[in-house]
Amino acid sequence: MIGGLLVASKIIDAFTDLGIGYLIDRTHTRFGKARPYEFFIVLQWLFTILMFSVPNVSTAIQYVYVFIMYVIVNVSLASLTSLIAPVALIFFPMLAKKFGTSKILQCCALLGIIGMAIRTVGGPNMATILIGGAFQGLGLMPISLMINTYIIDCMDYGEWKTGVRVEGMIASVINFSNKAGGAVASGVVGLVMGLAGYDGNLAVQSEGAMNAIVGLYNWFPLLLFILMFVLALTYQVDKIRPQMEADLKARHEKA
């Protein structure tokens, strides 16, 4: 029951991001696009308190209460946060300036593939798990730590091509993808493990359950890193960035 409620809340949360982004892009005030909505954080504080103040009623009503409070508390302010306070990374600007964001994405994806291959081949060996995990962490760096740079690239490219800049919707799509992906991943893991016969009460799992664990832990991330590398090869913003930035600057000066 709890797992299902959490998955459902994440799906709802993901779709609300799209609405928030649409609303932000159509907001024009003297305070800017996103700043007026910061006042709603007061409601988030209130609902956070209410979420941990479950009334003494029947179990069914308690489930409903917690679900509603959890969803309201998690209705995404991340769309606003990503627009208002982009993360200032220390080393990435220097690396991006020297090598380009495309190369960084490609190299890190390749490191991720190497890491997952080491972990897969090494099996339960602790040394290969640690070494492979280190490479995996490096492979995830562009996605986990440098995503704002790539989002800005998308915003600039979209404005360059269409003449319209949609910060809110792009940021909302990113949040939507993260939350929908998290919900789907949680559901898939539970489904696969259930079909494989995993039983948490057993001291020794069946062969099918062990294969499922290895597949989810090693093979599936390896395939995702390969997909990430292939997509990174098509990401060639660095080649057009000088012209794109020059054109956008000229447009802004005329506006």
C-alpha atoms as a PDB file:
ATOM      1  CA  MET A   1       0.000   0.000   0.000  1.00  0.00           C
ATOM      2  CA  ILE A   2       2.702   2.494   1.024  1.00  0.00           C
ATOM      3  CA  GLY A   3       4.798   1.705  -2.054  1.00  0.00           C
ATOM      4  CA  GLY A   4       1.829   2.237  -4.332  1.00  0.00           C
ATOM      5  CA  LEU A   5       0.997   5.561  -2.692  1.00  0.00           C
ATOM      6  CA  LEU A   6       4.567   6.792  -3.113  1.00  0.00           C
ATOM      7  CA  VAL A   7       4.656   5.804  -6.798  1.00  0.00           C
ATOM      8  CA  ALA A   8       1.300   7.501  -7.414  1.00  0.00           C
ATOM      9  CA  SER A   9       2.436  10.662  -5.627  1.00  0.00           C
ATOM     10  CA  LYS A  10       5.578  10.859  -7.759  1.00  0.00           C
ATOM     11  CA  ILE A  11       3.552  10.538 -10.958  1.00  0.00           C
ATOM     12  CA  ILE A  12       1.195  13.315  -9.834  1.00  0.00           C
ATOM     13  CA  ASP A  13       4.165  15.405  -8.747  1.00  0.00           C
ATOM     14  CA  ALA A  14       5.809  14.957 -12.152  1.00  0.00           C
ATOM     15  CA  PHE A  15       2.764  16.156 -14.080  1.00  0.00           C
ATOM     16  CA  THR A  16       2.315  19.221 -11.860  1.00  0.00           C
ATOM     17  CA  ASP A  17       5.800  20.359 -12.910  1.00  0.00           C
ATOM     18  CA  LEU A  18       4.608  20.776 -16.493  1.00  0.00           C
ATOM     19  CA  GLY A  19       1.746  22.980 -15.340  1.00  0.00           C
ATOM     20  CA  ILE A  20       4.085  25.050 -13.171  1.00  0.00           C
ATOM     21  CA  GLY A  21       6.468  25.562 -16.087  1.00  0.00           C
ATOM     22  CA  TYR A  22       3.641  26.625 -18.396  1.00  0.00           C
ATOM     23  CA  LEU A  23       2.432  29.088 -15.771  1.00  0.00           C
ATOM     24  CA  ILE A  24       5.887  30.571 -15.154  1.00  0.00           C
ATOM     25  CA  ASP A  25       6.538  31.182 -18.864  1.00  0.00           C
ATOM     26  CA  ARG A  26       3.296  33.181 -19.027  1.00  0.00           C
ATOM     27  CA  THR A  27       3.934  35.233 -15.899  1.00  0.00           C
ATOM     28  CA  HIS A  28       5.218  38.775 -16.417  1.00  0.00           C
ATOM     29  CA  THR A  29       5.531  40.972 -13.345  1.00  0.00           C
ATOM     30  CA  ARG A  30       7.921  43.619 -12.100  1.00  0.00           C
ATOM     31  CA  PHE A  31       9.321  40.909  -9.793  1.00  0.00           C
ATOM     32  CA  GLY A  32      10.174  38.616 -12.703  1.00  0.00           C
ATOM     33  CA  LYS A  33       8.707  35.296 -13.831  1.00  0.00           C
ATOM     34  CA  ALA A  34       9.342  32.964 -10.909  1.00  0.00           C
ATOM     35  CA  ARG A  35       9.828  35.198  -7.872  1.00  0.00           C
ATOM     36  CA  PRO A  36       6.098  35.795  -7.169  1.00  0.00           C
ATOM     37  CA  TYR A  37       5.602  32.078  -6.642  1.00  0.00           C
ATOM     38  CA  GLU A  38       8.262  31.922  -3.937  1.00  0.00           C
ATOM     39  CA  PHE A  39       5.651  33.124  -1.465  1.00  0.00           C
ATOM     40  CA  PHE A  40       3.959  29.725  -1.775  1.00  0.00           C
ATOM     41  CA  ILE A  41       6.828  28.190   0.214  1.00  0.00           C
ATOM     42  CA  VAL A  42       4.900  29.289   3.325  1.00  0.00           C
ATOM     43  CA  LEU A  43       2.196  26.784   2.351  1.00  0.00           C
ATOM     44  CA  GLN A  44       4.853  24.116   1.915  1.00  0.00           C
ATOM     45  CA  TRP A  45       5.998  24.674   5.494  1.00  0.00           C
ATOM     46  CA  LEU A  46       2.411  24.402   6.699  1.00  0.00           C
ATOM     47  CA  PHE A  47       1.689  21.163   4.805  1.00  0.00           C
ATOM     48  CA  THR A  48       4.996  19.659   5.971  1.00  0.00           C
ATOM     49  CA  ILE A  49       3.855  20.139   9.570  1.00  0.00           C
ATOM     50  CA  LEU A  50       0.443  18.680   8.750  1.00  0.00           C
ATOM     51  CA  MET A  51       2.038  15.651   7.083  1.00  0.00           C
ATOM     52  CA  PHE A  52       3.599  14.668  10.405  1.00  0.00           C
ATOM     53  CA  SER A  53       0.401  15.384  12.340  1.00  0.00           C
ATOM     54  CA  VAL A  54      -1.723  12.430  11.268  1.00  0.00           C
ATOM     55  CA  PRO A  55      -5.119  12.465  13.026  1.00  0.00           C
ATOM     56  CA  ASN A  56      -6.147   9.548  15.257  1.00  0.00           C
ATOM     57  CA  VAL A  57      -8.695   7.992  12.871  1.00  0.00           C
ATOM     58  CA  SER A  58      -9.117   4.731  10.976  1.00  0.00           C
ATOM     59  CA  THR A  59      -6.198   3.291   9.006  1.00  0.00           C
ATOM     60  CA  ALA A  60      -7.881   3.933   5.642  1.00  0.00           C
ATOM     61  CA  ILE A  61      -8.423   7.608   6.434  1.00  0.00           C
ATOM     62  CA  GLN A  62      -4.847   7.899   7.694  1.00  0.00           C
ATOM     63  CA  TYR A  63      -3.583   6.541   4.347  1.00  0.00           C
ATOM     64  CA  VAL A  64      -5.677   9.119   2.494  1.00  0.00           C
ATOM     65  CA  TYR A  65      -4.508  11.932   4.796  1.00  0.00           C
ATOM     66  CA  VAL A  66      -0.820  11.088   4.453  1.00  0.00           C
ATOM     67  CA  PHE A  67      -1.153  10.672   0.696  1.00  0.00           C
ATOM     68  CA  ILE A  68      -2.767  14.093   0.255  1.00  0.00           C
ATOM     69  CA  MET A  69      -0.240  15.817   2.519  1.00  0.00           C
ATOM     70  CA  TYR A  70       2.689  14.049   0.827  1.00  0.00           C
ATOM     71  CA  VAL A  71       1.518  15.079  -2.632  1.00  0.00           C
ATOM     72  CA  ILE A  72       0.888  18.704  -1.614  1.00  0.00           C
ATOM     73  CA  VAL A  73       4.232  19.011   0.129  1.00  0.00           C
ATOM     74  CA  ASN A  74       6.004  17.614  -2.916  1.00  0.00           C
ATOM     75  CA  VAL A  75       4.181  19.668  -5.554  1.00  0.00           C
ATOM     76  CA  SER A  76       7.251  20.863  -7.255  1.00  0.00           C
ATOM     77  CA  LEU A  77       8.935  24.043  -6.218  1.00  0.00           C
ATOM     78  CA  ALA A  78      11.989  22.565  -7.925  1.00  0.00           C
ATOM     79  CA  SER A  79      10.948  24.217 -11.188  1.00  0.00           C
ATOM     80  CA  LEU A  80      11.199  27.577  -9.473  1.00  0.00           C
ATOM     81  CA  THR A  81      14.402  26.668  -7.671  1.00  0.00           C
ATOM     82  CA  SER A  82      16.180  25.622 -10.834  1.00  0.00           C
ATOM     83  CA  LEU A  83      15.279  28.954 -12.439  1.00  0.00           C
ATOM     84  CA  ILE A  84      16.009  31.219  -9.474  1.00  0.00           C
ATOM     85  CA  ALA A  85      19.135  29.657  -8.004  1.00  0.00           C
ATOM     86  CA  PRO A  86      21.208  27.679 -10.534  1.00  0.00           C
ATOM     87  CA  VAL A  87      24.017  25.782  -8.889  1.00  0.00           C
ATOM     88  CA  ALA A  88      27.443  27.451  -9.205  1.00  0.00           C
ATOM     89  CA  LEU A  89      29.876  24.655 -10.000  1.00  0.00           C
ATOM     90  CA  ILE A  90      33.542  25.272  -9.300  1.00  0.00           C
ATOM     91  CA  PHE A  91      35.422  23.178 -11.814  1.00  0.00           C
ATOM     92  CA  PHE A  92      32.945  22.622 -14.588  1.00  0.00           C
ATOM     93  CA  PRO A  93      33.173  26.120 -16.162  1.00  0.00           C
ATOM     94  CA  MET A  94      36.934  25.690 -16.556  1.00  0.00           C
ATOM     95  CA  LEU A  95      36.606  22.191 -18.001  1.00  0.00           C
ATOM     96  CA  ALA A  96      33.762  23.243 -20.279  1.00  0.00           C
ATOM     97  CA  LYS A  97      35.721  26.220 -21.557  1.00  0.00           C
ATOM     98  CA  LYS A  98      38.750  24.087 -22.350  1.00  0.00           C
ATOM     99  CA  PHE A  99      37.169  20.900 -23.678  1.00  0.00           C
ATOM    100  CA  GLY A 100      33.543  21.795 -24.388  1.00  0.00           C
ATOM    101  CA  THR A 101      30.394  20.464 -22.762  1.00  0.00           C
ATOM    102  CA  SER A 102      29.896  17.864 -25.509  1.00  0.00           C
ATOM    103  CA  LYS A 103      33.275  16.231 -24.895  1.00  0.00           C
ATOM    104  CA  ILE A 104      32.728  16.169 -21.142  1.00  0.00           C
ATOM    105  CA  LEU A 105      29.396  14.395 -21.602  1.00  0.00           C
ATOM    106  CA  GLN A 106      30.904  11.859 -24.008  1.00  0.00           C
ATOM    107  CA  CYS A 107      33.980  11.140 -21.874  1.00  0.00           C
ATOM    108  CA  CYS A 108      31.963  10.722 -18.689  1.00  0.00           C
ATOM    109  CA  ALA A 109      29.525   8.378 -20.423  1.00  0.00           C
ATOM    110  CA  LEU A 110      32.481   6.311 -21.595  1.00  0.00           C
ATOM    111  CA  LEU A 111      33.864   6.196 -18.044  1.00  0.00           C
ATOM    112  CA  GLY A 112      30.456   4.991 -16.897  1.00  0.00           C
ATOM    113  CA  ILE A 113      30.517   2.177 -19.448  1.00  0.00           C
ATOM    114  CA  ILE A 114      33.998   1.158 -18.284  1.00  0.00           C
ATOM    115  CA  GLY A 115      32.892   1.242 -14.652  1.00  0.00           C
ATOM    116  CA  MET A 116      29.816  -0.900 -15.249  1.00  0.00           C
ATOM    117  CA  ALA A 117      31.845  -3.356 -17.327  1.00  0.00           C
ATOM    118  CA  ILE A 118      34.370  -3.709 -14.495  1.00  0.00           C
ATOM    119  CA  ARG A 119      31.601  -4.255 -11.980  1.00  0.00           C
ATOM    120  CA  THR A 120      29.807  -6.769 -14.191  1.00  0.00           C
ATOM    121  CA  VAL A 121      32.889  -8.827 -14.990  1.00  0.00           C
ATOM    122  CA  GLY A 122      34.159  -8.691 -11.411  1.00  0.00           C
ATOM    123  CA  GLY A 123      30.932 -10.067  -9.964  1.00  0.00           C
ATOM    124  CA  PRO A 124      30.894 -10.124  -6.138  1.00  0.00           C
ATOM    125  CA  ASN A 125      34.563  -9.127  -5.856  1.00  0.00           C
ATOM    126  CA  MET A 126      34.670  -6.124  -3.532  1.00  0.00           C
ATOM    127  CA  ALA A 127      37.650  -4.507  -5.298  1.00  0.00           C
ATOM    128  CA  THR A 128      35.930  -4.470  -8.687  1.00  0.00           C
ATOM    129  CA  ILE A 129      32.687  -3.281  -7.094  1.00  0.00           C
ATOM    130  CA  LEU A 130      34.489  -0.287  -5.552  1.00  0.00           C
ATOM    131  CA  ILE A 131      36.565   0.527  -8.645  1.00  0.00           C
ATOM    132  CA  GLY A 132      33.599   0.095 -10.955  1.00  0.00           C
ATOM    133  CA  GLY A 133      31.451   2.196  -8.650  1.00  0.00           C
ATOM    134  CA  ALA A 134      34.038   4.993  -8.733  1.00  0.00           C
ATOM    135  CA  PHE A 135      33.986   5.042 -12.532  1.00  0.00           C
ATOM    136  CA  GLN A 136      30.205   4.897 -12.465  1.00  0.00           C
ATOM    137  CA  GLY A 137      30.144   7.976 -10.221  1.00  0.00           C
ATOM    138  CA  LEU A 138      32.353   9.866 -12.662  1.00  0.00           C
ATOM    139  CA  GLY A 139      30.057   8.830 -15.478  1.00  0.00           C
ATOM    140  CA  LEU A 140      27.054  10.312 -13.706  1.00  0.00           C
ATOM    141  CA  MET A 141      28.701  13.659 -12.968  1.00  0.00           C
ATOM    142  CA  PRO A 142      27.353  15.551 -16.007  1.00  0.00           C
ATOM    143  CA  ILE A 143      23.798  14.449 -15.217  1.00  0.00           C
ATOM    144  CA  SER A 144      23.906  14.851 -11.451  1.00  0.00           C
ATOM    145  CA  LEU A 145      26.133  17.916 -11.032  1.00  0.00           C
ATOM    146  CA  MET A 146      26.276  19.747 -14.356  1.00  0.00           C
ATOM    147  CA  ILE A 147      22.707  19.462 -15.593  1.00  0.00           C
ATOM    148  CA  ASN A 148      22.040  23.216 -15.330  1.00  0.00           C
ATOM    149  CA  THR A 149      24.642  23.950 -18.006  1.00  0.00           C
ATOM    150  CA  TYR A 150      22.977  21.565 -20.443  1.00  0.00           C
ATOM    151  CA  ILE A 151      19.550  22.981 -19.593  1.00  0.00           C
ATOM    152  CA  ILE A 152      20.791  26.486 -20.387  1.00  0.00           C
ATOM    153  CA  ASP A 153      22.181  25.167 -23.680  1.00  0.00           C
ATOM    154  CA  CYS A 154      18.704  23.876 -24.505  1.00  0.00           C
ATOM    155  CA  MET A 155      17.126  27.210 -23.574  1.00  0.00           C
ATOM    156  CA  ASP A 156      19.610  29.125 -25.729  1.00  0.00           C
ATOM    157  CA  TYR A 157      19.228  26.734 -28.646  1.00  0.00           C
ATOM    158  CA  GLY A 158      15.438  26.874 -28.477  1.00  0.00           C
ATOM    159  CA  GLU A 159      15.471  30.679 -28.385  1.00  0.00           C
ATOM    160  CA  TRP A 160      17.982  30.759 -31.249  1.00  0.00           C
ATOM    161  CA  LYS A 161      15.810  28.532 -33.425  1.00  0.00           C
ATOM    162  CA  THR A 162      12.337  29.808 -32.532  1.00  0.00           C
ATOM    163  CA  GLY A 163      12.851  33.287 -31.106  1.00  0.00           C
ATOM    164  CA  VAL A 164      11.015  32.294 -27.913  1.00  0.00           C
ATOM    165  CA  ARG A 165      12.712  31.497 -24.605  1.00  0.00           C
ATOM    166  CA  VAL A 166      10.811  29.052 -22.378  1.00  0.00           C
ATOM    167  CA  GLU A 167      12.778  28.664 -19.151  1.00  0.00           C
ATOM    168  CA  GLY A 168       9.845  27.486 -17.069  1.00  0.00           C
ATOM    169  CA  MET A 169       8.672  24.715 -19.379  1.00  0.00           C
ATOM    170  CA  ILE A 170      12.165  23.351 -20.029  1.00  0.00           C
ATOM    171  CA  ALA A 171      12.949  23.246 -16.308  1.00  0.00           C
ATOM    172  CA  SER A 172       9.581  21.612 -15.675  1.00  0.00           C
ATOM    173  CA  VAL A 173      10.192  18.942 -18.309  1.00  0.00           C
ATOM    174  CA  ILE A 174      13.490  18.102 -16.594  1.00  0.00           C
ATOM    175  CA  ASN A 175      11.740  17.755 -13.231  1.00  0.00           C
ATOM    176  CA  PHE A 176       8.919  15.797 -14.837  1.00  0.00           C
ATOM    177  CA  SER A 177      11.409  13.363 -16.383  1.00  0.00           C
ATOM    178  CA  ASN A 178      13.266  12.910 -13.101  1.00  0.00           C
ATOM    179  CA  LYS A 179      10.142  12.209 -11.069  1.00  0.00           C
ATOM    180  CA  ALA A 180       8.360  10.108 -13.674  1.00  0.00           C
ATOM    181  CA  GLY A 181      11.573   8.146 -14.192  1.00  0.00           C
ATOM    182  CA  GLY A 182      11.925   7.610 -10.452  1.00  0.00           C
ATOM    183  CA  ALA A 183       8.338   6.401 -10.187  1.00  0.00           C
ATOM    184  CA  VAL A 184       8.698   4.041 -13.146  1.00  0.00           C
ATOM    185  CA  ALA A 185      12.050   2.754 -11.877  1.00  0.00           C
ATOM    186  CA  SER A 186      10.583   1.977  -8.450  1.00  0.00           C
ATOM    187  CA  GLY A 187       7.685   0.155 -10.015  1.00  0.00           C
ATOM    188  CA  VAL A 188       9.860  -1.792 -12.462  1.00  0.00           C
ATOM    189  CA  VAL A 189      12.265  -2.904  -9.730  1.00  0.00           C
ATOM    190  CA  GLY A 190       9.402  -4.187  -7.615  1.00  0.00           C
ATOM    191  CA  LEU A 191       7.777  -5.898 -10.596  1.00  0.00           C
ATOM    192  CA  VAL A 192      10.982  -7.584 -11.798  1.00  0.00           C
ATOM    193  CA  MET A 193      11.941  -8.777  -8.332  1.00  0.00           C
ATOM    194  CA  GLY A 194       8.434 -10.077  -7.740  1.00  0.00           C
ATOM    195  CA  LEU A 195       8.395 -11.990 -11.040  1.00  0.00           C
ATOM    196  CA  ALA A 196      11.862 -13.354 -10.291  1.00  0.00           C
ATOM    197  CA  GLY A 197      10.623 -14.827  -7.014  1.00  0.00           C
ATOM    198  CA  TYR A 198      12.473 -12.592  -4.576  1.00  0.00           C
ATOM    199  CA  ASP A 199      11.502 -13.245  -0.964  1.00  0.00           C
ATOM    200  CA  GLY A 200      12.929 -10.988   1.712  1.00  0.00           C
ATOM    201  CA  ASN A 201      12.282 -13.621   4.367  1.00  0.00           C
ATOM    202  CA  LEU A 202      14.624 -16.161   2.773  1.00  0.00           C
ATOM    203  CA  ALA A 203      18.228 -16.435   3.912  1.00  0.00           C
ATOM    204  CA  VAL A 204      19.255 -17.602   0.415  1.00  0.00           C
ATOM    205  CA  GLN A 205      17.480 -16.306  -2.651  1.00  0.00           C
ATOM    206  CA  SER A 206      16.572 -18.405  -5.682  1.00  0.00           C
ATOM    207  CA  GLU A 207      18.749 -18.402  -8.792  1.00  0.00           C
ATOM    208  CA  GLY A 208      16.143 -16.366 -10.655  1.00  0.00           C
ATOM    209  CA  ALA A 209      16.082 -13.719  -7.923  1.00  0.00           C
ATOM    210  CA  MET A 210      19.882 -13.504  -7.893  1.00  0.00           C
ATOM    211  CA  ASN A 211      19.973 -13.096 -11.681  1.00  0.00           C
ATOM    212  CA  ALA A 212      17.388 -10.321 -11.415  1.00  0.00           C
ATOM    213  CA  ILE A 213      19.481  -8.519  -8.788  1.00  0.00           C
ATOM    214  CA  VAL A 214      22.613  -8.755 -10.956  1.00  0.00           C
ATOM    215  CA  GLY A 215      20.697  -7.584 -13.996  1.00  0.00           C
ATOM    216  CA  LEU A 216      19.216  -4.555 -12.250  1.00  0.00           C
ATOM    217  CA  TYR A 217      22.476  -3.690 -10.501  1.00  0.00           C
ATOM    218  CA  ASN A 218      24.904  -4.194 -13.402  1.00  0.00           C
ATOM    219  CA  TRP A 219      23.456  -4.961 -16.821  1.00  0.00           C
ATOM    220  CA  PHE A 220      20.655  -2.417 -16.902  1.00  0.00           C
ATOM    221  CA  PRO A 221      22.868   0.553 -15.844  1.00  0.00           C
ATOM    222  CA  LEU A 222      25.453  -0.612 -18.412  1.00  0.00           C
ATOM    223  CA  LEU A 223      22.844  -0.427 -21.179  1.00  0.00           C
ATOM    224  CA  LEU A 224      21.785   3.022 -19.993  1.00  0.00           C
ATOM    225  CA  PHE A 225      25.379   4.286 -20.082  1.00  0.00           C
ATOM    226  CA  ILE A 226      25.755   2.940 -23.623  1.00  0.00           C
ATOM    227  CA  LEU A 227      22.579   4.787 -24.614  1.00  0.00           C
ATOM    228  CA  MET A 228      23.881   7.918 -22.896  1.00  0.00           C
ATOM    229  CA  PHE A 229      27.152   7.676 -24.867  1.00  0.00           C
ATOM    230  CA  VAL A 230      25.344   7.256 -28.201  1.00  0.00           C
ATOM    231  CA  LEU A 231      23.118  10.252 -27.477  1.00  0.00           C
ATOM    232  CA  ALA A 232      26.132  12.286 -26.314  1.00  0.00           C
ATOM    233  CA  LEU A 233      27.750  11.761 -29.717  1.00  0.00           C
ATOM    234  CA  THR A 234      24.826  13.611 -31.300  1.00  0.00           C
ATOM    235  CA  TYR A 235      25.094  16.513 -28.836  1.00  0.00           C
ATOM    236  CA  GLN A 236      27.144  19.009 -30.845  1.00  0.00           C
ATOM    237  CA  VAL A 237      26.184  22.342 -29.308  1.00  0.00           C
ATOM    238  CA  ASP A 238      29.832  23.344 -28.894  1.00  0.00           C
ATOM    239  CA  LYS A 239      30.231  23.627 -32.668  1.00  0.00           C
ATOM    240  CA  ILE A 240      27.376  26.091 -33.062  1.00  0.00           C
ATOM    241  CA  ARG A 241      27.671  27.909 -29.735  1.00  0.00           C
ATOM    242  CA  PRO A 242      29.784  30.890 -30.987  1.00  0.00           C
ATOM    243  CA  GLN A 243      27.302  31.674 -33.764  1.00  0.00           C
ATOM    244  CA  MET A 244      24.325  31.008 -31.505  1.00  0.00           C
ATOM    245  CA  GLU A 245      25.594  33.325 -28.769  1.00  0.00           C
ATOM    246  CA  ALA A 246      26.447  36.055 -31.295  1.00  0.00           C
ATOM    247  CA  ASP A 247      22.986  35.899 -32.867  1.00  0.00           C
ATOM    248  CA  LEU A 248      21.228  35.939 -29.486  1.00  0.00           C
ATOM    249  CA  LYS A 249      23.322  38.897 -28.326  1.00  0.00           C
ATOM    250  CA  ALA A 250      22.428  40.818 -31.460  1.00  0.00           C
ATOM    251  CA  ARG A 251      18.722  40.083 -30.988  1.00  0.00           C
ATOM    252  CA  HIS A 252      18.788  41.147 -27.342  1.00  0.00           C
ATOM    253  CA  GLU A 253      20.520  44.416 -28.195  1.00  0.00           C
ATOM    254  CA  LYS A 254      17.851  45.211 -30.790  1.00  0.00           C
ATOM    255  CA  ALA A 255      14.965  44.326 -28.445  1.00  0.00           C
END
